[in-house]
Amino acid sequence: MALIPTIIAGGSGTRLWPLSRQMFPKQFVALTSKQSMLAETIDRLSNIDHDKVYLVGNLDHEFLLASAADSMDINRTIE
């Protein structure tokens, strides 16, 4: 049975203000490298056999999630 990676990328963006804001929360911020925390998480999936990655997030961040997934060239479903 294949794994189905699910990344929960929600959040309100209030704890790391001013870096993180409501419309650009911490999962989209590059804190420890040149990549966002979401991109680093997606990178960790490269050694796992999977067909699709599920990204779960706030509807307000749908386009940020899609952009991050598209830039990483992954087969994804956004919920």
PDB file of N, CA and C in Angstrom:
ATOM      1  N   MET A   1       0.839  -1.169   0.000  1.00  0.00           N
ATOM      2  CA  MET A   1       0.000   0.000   0.000  1.00  0.00           C
ATOM      3  C   MET A   1       0.895   1.246   0.000  1.00  0.00           C
ATOM      4  N   ALA A   2       0.609   2.185  -0.893  1.00  0.00           N
ATOM      5  CA  ALA A   2       1.408   3.403  -1.026  1.00  0.00           C
ATOM      6  C   ALA A   2       0.993   4.438   0.014  1.00  0.00           C
ATOM      7  N   LEU A   3       1.954   5.232   0.448  1.00  0.00           N
ATOM      8  CA  LEU A   3       1.669   6.325   1.361  1.00  0.00           C
ATOM      9  C   LEU A   3       0.998   7.470   0.618  1.00  0.00           C
ATOM     10  N   ILE A   4       0.150   8.194   1.323  1.00  0.00           N
ATOM     11  CA  ILE A   4      -0.486   9.381   0.768  1.00  0.00           C
ATOM     12  C   ILE A   4      -0.083  10.555   1.666  1.00  0.00           C
ATOM     13  N   PRO A   5       1.001  11.268   1.312  1.00  0.00           N
ATOM     14  CA  PRO A   5       1.444  12.384   2.154  1.00  0.00           C
ATOM     15  C   PRO A   5       0.394  13.488   2.217  1.00  0.00           C
ATOM     16  N   THR A   6       0.125  13.955   3.427  1.00  0.00           N
ATOM     17  CA  THR A   6      -0.812  15.049   3.656  1.00  0.00           C
ATOM     18  C   THR A   6      -0.099  16.106   4.487  1.00  0.00           C
ATOM     19  N   ILE A   7       0.006  17.294   3.939  1.00  0.00           N
ATOM     20  CA  ILE A   7       0.686  18.396   4.622  1.00  0.00           C
ATOM     21  C   ILE A   7      -0.373  19.387   5.078  1.00  0.00           C
ATOM     22  N   ILE A   8      -0.425  19.601   6.379  1.00  0.00           N
ATOM     23  CA  ILE A   8      -1.364  20.562   6.939  1.00  0.00           C
ATOM     24  C   ILE A   8      -0.638  21.896   7.044  1.00  0.00           C
ATOM     25  N   ALA A   9      -1.056  22.850   6.228  1.00  0.00           N
ATOM     26  CA  ALA A   9      -0.356  24.132   6.126  1.00  0.00           C
ATOM     27  C   ALA A   9      -1.285  25.285   6.474  1.00  0.00           C
ATOM     28  N   GLY A  10      -1.984  25.141   7.581  1.00  0.00           N
ATOM     29  CA  GLY A  10      -2.899  26.192   8.008  1.00  0.00           C
ATOM     30  C   GLY A  10      -2.227  27.109   9.007  1.00  0.00           C
ATOM     31  N   GLY A  11      -2.922  28.105   9.397  1.00  0.00           N
ATOM     32  CA  GLY A  11      -2.402  29.025  10.402  1.00  0.00           C
ATOM     33  C   GLY A  11      -2.862  30.435  10.123  1.00  0.00           C
ATOM     34  N   SER A  12      -2.866  31.225  11.184  1.00  0.00           N
ATOM     35  CA  SER A  12      -3.387  32.585  11.045  1.00  0.00           C
ATOM     36  C   SER A  12      -2.299  33.624  10.816  1.00  0.00           C
ATOM     37  N   GLY A  13      -1.044  33.265  11.001  1.00  0.00           N
ATOM     38  CA  GLY A  13       0.037  34.189  10.719  1.00  0.00           C
ATOM     39  C   GLY A  13       0.264  35.238  11.783  1.00  0.00           C
ATOM     40  N   THR A  14      -0.130  34.952  13.032  1.00  0.00           N
ATOM     41  CA  THR A  14      -0.014  35.971  14.071  1.00  0.00           C
ATOM     42  C   THR A  14       1.199  35.785  14.982  1.00  0.00           C
ATOM     43  N   ARG A  15       1.764  34.611  15.078  1.00  0.00           N
ATOM     44  CA  ARG A  15       2.809  34.355  16.069  1.00  0.00           C
ATOM     45  C   ARG A  15       4.185  34.864  15.670  1.00  0.00           C
ATOM     46  N   LEU A  16       4.475  34.968  14.405  1.00  0.00           N
ATOM     47  CA  LEU A  16       5.795  35.427  13.969  1.00  0.00           C
ATOM     48  C   LEU A  16       5.740  36.804  13.326  1.00  0.00           C
ATOM     49  N   TRP A  17       4.744  37.584  13.698  1.00  0.00           N
ATOM     50  CA  TRP A  17       4.621  38.936  13.171  1.00  0.00           C
ATOM     51  C   TRP A  17       5.878  39.714  13.511  1.00  0.00           C
ATOM     52  N   PRO A  18       6.458  40.499  12.650  1.00  0.00           N
ATOM     53  CA  PRO A  18       5.961  40.991  11.371  1.00  0.00           C
ATOM     54  C   PRO A  18       6.349  40.134  10.171  1.00  0.00           C
ATOM     55  N   LEU A  19       7.168  39.090  10.368  1.00  0.00           N
ATOM     56  CA  LEU A  19       7.513  38.229   9.226  1.00  0.00           C
ATOM     57  C   LEU A  19       6.290  37.516   8.694  1.00  0.00           C
ATOM     58  N   SER A  20       5.480  37.022   9.587  1.00  0.00           N
ATOM     59  CA  SER A  20       4.293  36.259   9.246  1.00  0.00           C
ATOM     60  C   SER A  20       3.071  37.150   9.453  1.00  0.00           C
ATOM     61  N   ARG A  21       2.201  37.191   8.448  1.00  0.00           N
ATOM     62  CA  ARG A  21       0.999  38.018   8.529  1.00  0.00           C
ATOM     63  C   ARG A  21      -0.209  37.177   8.139  1.00  0.00           C
ATOM     64  N   GLN A  22      -1.387  37.704   8.354  1.00  0.00           N
ATOM     65  CA  GLN A  22      -2.607  36.950   8.094  1.00  0.00           C
ATOM     66  C   GLN A  22      -2.669  36.437   6.656  1.00  0.00           C
ATOM     67  N   MET A  23      -2.284  37.242   5.687  1.00  0.00           N
ATOM     68  CA  MET A  23      -2.351  36.817   4.291  1.00  0.00           C
ATOM     69  C   MET A  23      -1.050  36.167   3.803  1.00  0.00           C
ATOM     70  N   PHE A  24      -0.045  36.072   4.673  1.00  0.00           N
ATOM     71  CA  PHE A  24       1.221  35.432   4.321  1.00  0.00           C
ATOM     72  C   PHE A  24       1.804  34.786   5.583  1.00  0.00           C
ATOM     73  N   PRO A  25       1.173  33.682   6.046  1.00  0.00           N
ATOM     74  CA  PRO A  25       1.578  33.061   7.312  1.00  0.00           C
ATOM     75  C   PRO A  25       2.921  32.343   7.230  1.00  0.00           C
ATOM     76  N   LYS A  26       3.373  31.898   8.385  1.00  0.00           N
ATOM     77  CA  LYS A  26       4.749  31.400   8.546  1.00  0.00           C
ATOM     78  C   LYS A  26       5.117  30.243   7.628  1.00  0.00           C
ATOM     79  N   GLN A  27       4.183  29.408   7.211  1.00  0.00           N
ATOM     80  CA  GLN A  27       4.552  28.285   6.353  1.00  0.00           C
ATOM     81  C   GLN A  27       5.059  28.736   4.985  1.00  0.00           C
ATOM     82  N   PHE A  28       4.786  29.993   4.617  1.00  0.00           N
ATOM     83  CA  PHE A  28       5.246  30.525   3.333  1.00  0.00           C
ATOM     84  C   PHE A  28       6.490  31.395   3.472  1.00  0.00           C
ATOM     85  N   VAL A  29       6.999  31.536   4.695  1.00  0.00           N
ATOM     86  CA  VAL A  29       8.158  32.374   4.979  1.00  0.00           C
ATOM     87  C   VAL A  29       9.424  31.517   4.987  1.00  0.00           C
ATOM     88  N   ALA A  30      10.503  32.045   4.415  1.00  0.00           N
ATOM     89  CA  ALA A  30      11.803  31.365   4.461  1.00  0.00           C
ATOM     90  C   ALA A  30      12.496  31.788   5.752  1.00  0.00           C
ATOM     91  N   LEU A  31      12.505  30.911   6.742  1.00  0.00           N
ATOM     92  CA  LEU A  31      13.083  31.249   8.045  1.00  0.00           C
ATOM     93  C   LEU A  31      14.507  30.740   8.213  1.00  0.00           C
ATOM     94  N   THR A  32      14.739  29.482   7.864  1.00  0.00           N
ATOM     95  CA  THR A  32      16.045  28.874   8.144  1.00  0.00           C
ATOM     96  C   THR A  32      16.861  28.582   6.889  1.00  0.00           C
ATOM     97  N   SER A  33      16.288  28.833   5.731  1.00  0.00           N
ATOM     98  CA  SER A  33      16.993  28.605   4.469  1.00  0.00           C
ATOM     99  C   SER A  33      16.414  29.545   3.421  1.00  0.00           C
ATOM    100  N   LYS A  34      16.764  29.326   2.170  1.00  0.00           N
ATOM    101  CA  LYS A  34      16.226  30.148   1.092  1.00  0.00           C
ATOM    102  C   LYS A  34      14.824  29.709   0.692  1.00  0.00           C
ATOM    103  N   GLN A  35      14.401  28.543   1.205  1.00  0.00           N
ATOM    104  CA  GLN A  35      13.068  28.013   0.889  1.00  0.00           C
ATOM    105  C   GLN A  35      12.105  28.278   2.038  1.00  0.00           C
ATOM    106  N   SER A  36      10.828  28.342   1.690  1.00  0.00           N
ATOM    107  CA  SER A  36       9.813  28.470   2.732  1.00  0.00           C
ATOM    108  C   SER A  36       9.745  27.163   3.525  1.00  0.00           C
ATOM    109  N   MET A  37       9.120  27.229   4.684  1.00  0.00           N
ATOM    110  CA  MET A  37       8.973  26.018   5.493  1.00  0.00           C
ATOM    111  C   MET A  37       8.113  24.993   4.760  1.00  0.00           C
ATOM    112  N   LEU A  38       7.125  25.454   3.991  1.00  0.00           N
ATOM    113  CA  LEU A  38       6.303  24.536   3.203  1.00  0.00           C
ATOM    114  C   LEU A  38       7.153  23.845   2.134  1.00  0.00           C
ATOM    115  N   ALA A  39       7.993  24.597   1.441  1.00  0.00           N
ATOM    116  CA  ALA A  39       8.861  24.012   0.411  1.00  0.00           C
ATOM    117  C   ALA A  39       9.834  23.001   1.013  1.00  0.00           C
ATOM    118  N   GLU A  40      10.359  23.297   2.199  1.00  0.00           N
ATOM    119  CA  GLU A  40      11.254  22.353   2.859  1.00  0.00           C
ATOM    120  C   GLU A  40      10.521  21.053   3.197  1.00  0.00           C
ATOM    121  N   THR A  41       9.284  21.168   3.623  1.00  0.00           N
ATOM    122  CA  THR A  41       8.482  19.985   3.942  1.00  0.00           C
ATOM    123  C   THR A  41       8.208  19.164   2.688  1.00  0.00           C
ATOM    124  N   ILE A  42       7.862  19.834   1.603  1.00  0.00           N
ATOM    125  CA  ILE A  42       7.615  19.137   0.339  1.00  0.00           C
ATOM    126  C   ILE A  42       8.891  18.448  -0.137  1.00  0.00           C
ATOM    127  N   ASP A  43      10.044  19.107   0.027  1.00  0.00           N
ATOM    128  CA  ASP A  43      11.330  18.502  -0.351  1.00  0.00           C
ATOM    129  C   ASP A  43      11.588  17.184   0.382  1.00  0.00           C
ATOM    130  N   ARG A  44      11.172  17.115   1.637  1.00  0.00           N
ATOM    131  CA  ARG A  44      11.414  15.895   2.419  1.00  0.00           C
ATOM    132  C   ARG A  44      10.646  14.702   1.878  1.00  0.00           C
ATOM    133  N   LEU A  45       9.689  14.939   0.996  1.00  0.00           N
ATOM    134  CA  LEU A  45       8.921  13.843   0.402  1.00  0.00           C
ATOM    135  C   LEU A  45       9.637  13.187  -0.778  1.00  0.00           C
ATOM    136  N   SER A  46      10.749  13.746  -1.205  1.00  0.00           N
ATOM    137  CA  SER A  46      11.420  13.247  -2.411  1.00  0.00           C
ATOM    138  C   SER A  46      11.904  11.805  -2.272  1.00  0.00           C
ATOM    139  N   ASN A  47      12.150  11.345  -1.058  1.00  0.00           N
ATOM    140  CA  ASN A  47      12.624   9.972  -0.859  1.00  0.00           C
ATOM    141  C   ASN A  47      11.495   8.993  -0.546  1.00  0.00           C
ATOM    142  N   ILE A  48      10.258   9.462  -0.626  1.00  0.00           N
ATOM    143  CA  ILE A  48       9.104   8.619  -0.312  1.00  0.00           C
ATOM    144  C   ILE A  48       8.335   8.345  -1.598  1.00  0.00           C
ATOM    145  N   ASP A  49       8.008   7.089  -1.826  1.00  0.00           N
ATOM    146  CA  ASP A  49       7.222   6.720  -3.005  1.00  0.00           C
ATOM    147  C   ASP A  49       5.770   7.149  -2.788  1.00  0.00           C
ATOM    148  N   HIS A  50       5.298   8.077  -3.649  1.00  0.00           N
ATOM    149  CA  HIS A  50       3.924   8.544  -3.544  1.00  0.00           C
ATOM    150  C   HIS A  50       3.446   9.018  -4.909  1.00  0.00           C
ATOM    151  N   ASP A  51       2.127   9.003  -5.084  1.00  0.00           N
ATOM    152  CA  ASP A  51       1.544   9.457  -6.342  1.00  0.00           C
ATOM    153  C   ASP A  51       1.088  10.905  -6.274  1.00  0.00           C
ATOM    154  N   LYS A  52       0.575  11.292  -5.121  1.00  0.00           N
ATOM    155  CA  LYS A  52      -0.022  12.611  -4.975  1.00  0.00           C
ATOM    156  C   LYS A  52       0.234  13.108  -3.566  1.00  0.00           C
ATOM    157  N   VAL A  53       0.318  14.426  -3.416  1.00  0.00           N
ATOM    158  CA  VAL A  53       0.478  15.059  -2.109  1.00  0.00           C
ATOM    159  C   VAL A  53      -0.784  15.875  -1.842  1.00  0.00           C
ATOM    160  N   TYR A  54      -1.349  15.718  -0.666  1.00  0.00           N
ATOM    161  CA  TYR A  54      -2.499  16.521  -0.264  1.00  0.00           C
ATOM    162  C   TYR A  54      -2.013  17.688   0.572  1.00  0.00           C
ATOM    163  N   LEU A  55      -2.404  18.898   0.164  1.00  0.00           N
ATOM    164  CA  LEU A  55      -2.086  20.105   0.915  1.00  0.00           C
ATOM    165  C   LEU A  55      -3.382  20.620   1.527  1.00  0.00           C
ATOM    166  N   VAL A  56      -3.415  20.728   2.833  1.00  0.00           N
ATOM    167  CA  VAL A  56      -4.599  21.196   3.535  1.00  0.00           C
ATOM    168  C   VAL A  56      -4.264  22.555   4.139  1.00  0.00           C
ATOM    169  N   GLY A  57      -5.069  23.548   3.805  1.00  0.00           N
ATOM    170  CA  GLY A  57      -4.802  24.883   4.317  1.00  0.00           C
ATOM    171  C   GLY A  57      -6.043  25.743   4.322  1.00  0.00           C
ATOM    172  N   ASN A  58      -5.855  26.971   4.701  1.00  0.00           N
ATOM    173  CA  ASN A  58      -6.916  27.954   4.752  1.00  0.00           C
ATOM    174  C   ASN A  58      -7.302  28.364   3.332  1.00  0.00           C
ATOM    175  N   LEU A  59      -8.580  28.527   3.083  1.00  0.00           N
ATOM    176  CA  LEU A  59      -9.048  28.920   1.752  1.00  0.00           C
ATOM    177  C   LEU A  59      -8.424  30.245   1.304  1.00  0.00           C
ATOM    178  N   ASP A  60      -8.124  31.129   2.251  1.00  0.00           N
ATOM    179  CA  ASP A  60      -7.483  32.406   1.919  1.00  0.00           C
ATOM    180  C   ASP A  60      -6.102  32.215   1.309  1.00  0.00           C
ATOM    181  N   HIS A  61      -5.487  31.054   1.555  1.00  0.00           N
ATOM    182  CA  HIS A  61      -4.124  30.800   1.092  1.00  0.00           C
ATOM    183  C   HIS A  61      -4.078  29.809  -0.074  1.00  0.00           C
ATOM    184  N   GLU A  62      -5.205  29.567  -0.687  1.00  0.00           N
ATOM    185  CA  GLU A  62      -5.292  28.585  -1.772  1.00  0.00           C
ATOM    186  C   GLU A  62      -4.275  28.859  -2.877  1.00  0.00           C
ATOM    187  N   PHE A  63      -4.138  30.096  -3.283  1.00  0.00           N
ATOM    188  CA  PHE A  63      -3.236  30.412  -4.390  1.00  0.00           C
ATOM    189  C   PHE A  63      -1.774  30.336  -3.967  1.00  0.00           C
ATOM    190  N   LEU A  64      -1.470  30.664  -2.712  1.00  0.00           N
ATOM    191  CA  LEU A  64      -0.104  30.505  -2.203  1.00  0.00           C
ATOM    192  C   LEU A  64       0.267  29.023  -2.151  1.00  0.00           C
ATOM    193  N   LEU A  65      -0.676  28.181  -1.717  1.00  0.00           N
ATOM    194  CA  LEU A  65      -0.428  26.739  -1.688  1.00  0.00           C
ATOM    195  C   LEU A  65      -0.210  26.193  -3.097  1.00  0.00           C
ATOM    196  N   ALA A  66      -1.061  26.602  -4.021  1.00  0.00           N
ATOM    197  CA  ALA A  66      -0.934  26.134  -5.405  1.00  0.00           C
ATOM    198  C   ALA A  66       0.377  26.593  -6.023  1.00  0.00           C
ATOM    199  N   SER A  67       0.752  27.832  -5.760  1.00  0.00           N
ATOM    200  CA  SER A  67       2.007  28.354  -6.302  1.00  0.00           C
ATOM    201  C   SER A  67       3.207  27.594  -5.747  1.00  0.00           C
ATOM    202  N   ALA A  68       3.183  27.317  -4.449  1.00  0.00           N
ATOM    203  CA  ALA A  68       4.289  26.569  -3.830  1.00  0.00           C
ATOM    204  C   ALA A  68       4.375  25.169  -4.424  1.00  0.00           C
ATOM    205  N   ALA A  69       3.228  24.510  -4.582  1.00  0.00           N
ATOM    206  CA  ALA A  69       3.212  23.154  -5.132  1.00  0.00           C
ATOM    207  C   ALA A  69       3.678  23.152  -6.582  1.00  0.00           C
ATOM    208  N   ASP A  70       3.219  24.120  -7.355  1.00  0.00           N
ATOM    209  CA  ASP A  70       3.613  24.181  -8.762  1.00  0.00           C
ATOM    210  C   ASP A  70       5.101  24.463  -8.920  1.00  0.00           C
ATOM    211  N   SER A  71       5.660  25.301  -8.057  1.00  0.00           N
ATOM    212  CA  SER A  71       7.087  25.600  -8.159  1.00  0.00           C
ATOM    213  C   SER A  71       7.929  24.384  -7.779  1.00  0.00           C
ATOM    214  N   MET A  72       7.368  23.480  -6.978  1.00  0.00           N
ATOM    215  CA  MET A  72       8.068  22.259  -6.575  1.00  0.00           C
ATOM    216  C   MET A  72       7.788  21.112  -7.553  1.00  0.00           C
ATOM    217  N   ASP A  73       6.883  21.365  -8.515  1.00  0.00           N
ATOM    218  CA  ASP A  73       6.531  20.385  -9.534  1.00  0.00           C
ATOM    219  C   ASP A  73       6.065  19.068  -8.915  1.00  0.00           C
ATOM    220  N   ILE A  74       5.055  19.148  -8.040  1.00  0.00           N
ATOM    221  CA  ILE A  74       4.488  17.946  -7.450  1.00  0.00           C
ATOM    222  C   ILE A  74       3.062  17.769  -7.930  1.00  0.00           C
ATOM    223  N   ASN A  75       2.630  16.521  -7.981  1.00  0.00           N
ATOM    224  CA  ASN A  75       1.246  16.197  -8.275  1.00  0.00           C
ATOM    225  C   ASN A  75       0.483  16.382  -6.973  1.00  0.00           C
ATOM    226  N   ARG A  76      -0.407  17.363  -6.915  1.00  0.00           N
ATOM    227  CA  ARG A  76      -1.024  17.702  -5.648  1.00  0.00           C
ATOM    228  C   ARG A  76      -2.526  17.899  -5.786  1.00  0.00           C
ATOM    229  N   THR A  77      -3.186  17.786  -4.632  1.00  0.00           N
ATOM    230  CA  THR A  77      -4.581  18.126  -4.495  1.00  0.00           C
ATOM    231  C   THR A  77      -4.685  19.095  -3.332  1.00  0.00           C
ATOM    232  N   ILE A  78      -5.356  20.232  -3.544  1.00  0.00           N
ATOM    233  CA  ILE A  78      -5.505  21.221  -2.484  1.00  0.00           C
ATOM    234  C   ILE A  78      -6.911  21.107  -1.931  1.00  0.00           C
ATOM    235  N   GLU A  79      -7.012  20.907  -0.624  1.00  0.00           N
ATOM    236  CA  GLU A  79      -8.302  20.772   0.070  1.00  0.00           C
ATOM    237  C   GLU A  79      -8.489  21.948   1.004  1.00  0.00           C
TER     238      GLU A  79
END
